[in-house]
Amino acid sequence: MKIHLSRYVLAVLCLLSILASQLTLAQNSTSTKPFELTVDSIMRGPRLVGYPPTAVYWSQDSQRVYFRWKQADEPRLKETSLYVVNRDGTGLRRLSEDQARQAPPANGELSKDKTTTVFTDEGDVFIYDH
């Protein structure tokens, strides 16, 4: 349990550092005037700084991180999308609905030969072939 929790914390920290660097680059390239510190600007919350990633997990080969995320400029009521990024921080991209359905499961039991994962979803049992 301790190892699983530490892997989760490491994945979240890695993901946050990747997202922070990407958001900093985006803000530096588009923001030409200084930020005005007003009550209205402070109260924007996620529309100002973005939404935190959720459901973070590593791929079985530990080469990619999958997570659900909504960018700061997206509508508040919009559902989060599934994103993937390489372990070195490159290749951040949003997955289409079809790609998200084909993504590896977040949890399950990996076979001894590491070629398949068995998992459940809404009471049904599935086998994911890596």
Protein backbone atom coordinates (compact mmCIF):
# COMPACT_ATOMS: atom_id res chain seq x y z
CA MET A 1 0.00 0.00 0.00
CA LYS A 2 2.88 2.34 0.87
CA ILE A 3 4.57 1.74 -2.50
CA HIS A 4 1.29 2.30 -4.38
CA LEU A 5 0.68 5.57 -2.51
CA SER A 6 4.23 6.81 -3.13
CA ARG A 7 3.91 6.01 -6.87
CA TYR A 8 0.65 7.97 -6.93
CA VAL A 9 2.20 10.94 -5.14
CA LEU A 10 5.21 10.83 -7.48
CA ALA A 11 2.91 10.73 -10.52
CA VAL A 12 0.88 13.71 -9.27
CA LEU A 13 4.02 15.75 -8.53
CA CYS A 14 5.47 14.92 -11.94
CA LEU A 15 2.24 15.87 -13.65
CA LEU A 16 1.88 19.13 -11.73
CA SER A 17 5.43 20.17 -12.61
CA ILE A 18 4.77 19.41 -16.29
CA LEU A 19 1.50 21.34 -16.30
CA ALA A 20 3.00 24.28 -14.39
CA SER A 21 5.81 24.65 -16.92
CA GLN A 22 3.37 24.47 -19.83
CA LEU A 23 1.03 27.03 -18.26
CA THR A 24 3.96 29.34 -17.47
CA LEU A 25 5.10 29.21 -21.10
CA ALA A 26 1.56 29.90 -22.32
CA GLN A 27 1.11 32.82 -19.94
CA ASN A 28 4.48 34.35 -20.85
CA SER A 29 3.72 34.23 -24.57
CA THR A 30 0.19 35.69 -24.38
CA SER A 31 0.34 38.06 -21.40
CA THR A 32 1.81 41.44 -22.30
CA LYS A 33 0.32 43.60 -19.54
CA PRO A 34 0.88 43.04 -15.81
CA PHE A 35 -1.74 41.18 -13.82
CA GLU A 36 -4.11 43.52 -12.01
CA LEU A 37 -4.80 42.44 -8.45
CA THR A 38 -8.51 43.19 -8.04
CA VAL A 39 -11.35 41.41 -6.25
CA ASP A 40 -12.77 40.31 -9.61
CA SER A 41 -9.47 38.85 -10.80
CA ILE A 42 -8.84 37.08 -7.49
CA MET A 43 -12.32 35.51 -7.46
CA ARG A 44 -11.88 33.86 -10.89
CA GLY A 45 -10.46 30.77 -9.20
CA PRO A 46 -9.91 27.91 -11.69
CA ARG A 47 -10.63 30.22 -14.63
CA LEU A 48 -7.43 32.04 -13.65
CA VAL A 49 -5.06 29.25 -12.64
CA GLY A 50 -6.69 26.17 -14.20
CA TYR A 51 -8.18 23.00 -12.78
CA PRO A 52 -6.15 20.36 -10.94
CA PRO A 53 -5.63 17.03 -12.71
CA THR A 54 -7.57 14.05 -11.36
CA ALA A 55 -7.49 10.26 -11.76
CA VAL A 56 -3.72 10.23 -12.36
CA TYR A 57 -2.13 6.88 -13.18
CA TRP A 58 0.93 5.42 -14.88
CA SER A 59 0.78 3.14 -17.91
CA GLN A 60 1.78 -0.45 -17.11
CA ASP A 61 5.20 0.06 -18.75
CA SER A 62 5.74 3.30 -16.73
CA GLN A 63 6.45 5.26 -19.92
CA ARG A 64 3.33 7.49 -19.87
CA VAL A 65 1.09 9.22 -17.33
CA TYR A 66 -2.67 9.33 -17.94
CA PHE A 67 -4.92 11.84 -16.17
CA ARG A 68 -8.23 13.69 -16.42
CA TRP A 69 -7.96 17.44 -16.79
CA LYS A 70 -9.87 20.56 -17.81
CA GLN A 71 -7.92 23.60 -18.99
CA ALA A 72 -8.54 27.05 -17.53
CA ASP A 73 -10.26 28.40 -20.66
CA GLU A 74 -12.79 25.54 -20.87
CA PRO A 75 -16.39 26.01 -19.60
CA ARG A 76 -16.94 25.28 -15.92
CA LEU A 77 -19.62 22.61 -16.51
CA LYS A 78 -17.65 20.77 -19.23
CA GLU A 79 -16.50 17.27 -18.27
CA THR A 80 -12.78 16.63 -17.88
CA SER A 81 -10.92 15.04 -20.78
CA LEU A 82 -8.36 12.24 -20.68
CA TYR A 83 -4.79 13.40 -21.37
CA VAL A 84 -1.53 11.53 -21.73
CA VAL A 85 2.06 12.71 -21.37
CA ASN A 86 5.38 10.89 -21.71
CA ARG A 87 7.37 10.30 -18.55
CA ASP A 88 9.95 12.92 -19.61
CA GLY A 89 7.24 15.60 -19.93
CA THR A 90 7.03 15.63 -23.71
CA GLY A 91 4.05 14.79 -25.88
CA LEU A 92 1.21 16.23 -23.77
CA ARG A 93 -2.00 15.61 -25.71
CA ARG A 94 -5.73 15.26 -25.19
CA LEU A 95 -7.14 11.89 -26.21
CA SER A 96 -10.24 11.68 -28.38
CA GLU A 97 -13.23 9.74 -27.04
CA ASP A 98 -12.24 6.67 -29.07
CA GLN A 99 -8.63 6.88 -27.91
CA ALA A 100 -9.79 7.31 -24.30
CA ARG A 101 -11.88 4.14 -24.55
CA GLN A 102 -8.80 2.27 -25.86
CA ALA A 103 -6.47 3.66 -23.15
CA PRO A 104 -5.12 1.20 -20.59
CA PRO A 105 -7.22 0.79 -17.43
CA ALA A 106 -6.37 2.81 -14.34
CA ASN A 107 -6.49 -0.25 -12.11
CA GLY A 108 -6.55 -4.00 -12.46
CA GLU A 109 -4.34 -7.03 -12.08
CA LEU A 110 -1.41 -7.41 -14.47
CA SER A 111 -0.67 -10.94 -15.68
CA LYS A 112 2.67 -12.54 -14.79
CA ASP A 113 3.93 -12.16 -18.37
CA LYS A 114 2.78 -8.48 -18.32
CA THR A 115 0.81 -8.79 -21.57
CA THR A 116 -2.75 -8.50 -20.23
CA THR A 117 -4.61 -6.76 -17.41
CA VAL A 118 -7.92 -7.94 -15.98
CA PHE A 119 -10.19 -5.24 -14.55
CA THR A 120 -13.83 -4.52 -13.78
CA ASP A 121 -16.02 -1.67 -14.96
CA GLU A 122 -19.59 -1.23 -13.70
CA GLY A 123 -19.80 -4.88 -12.67
CA ASP A 124 -18.42 -6.33 -15.93
CA VAL A 125 -15.03 -8.08 -16.17
CA PHE A 126 -12.67 -7.07 -18.99
CA ILE A 127 -9.27 -8.14 -20.23
CA TYR A 128 -6.99 -5.44 -21.68
CA ASP A 129 -4.33 -6.75 -24.09
CA HIS A 130 -1.21 -4.59 -23.92
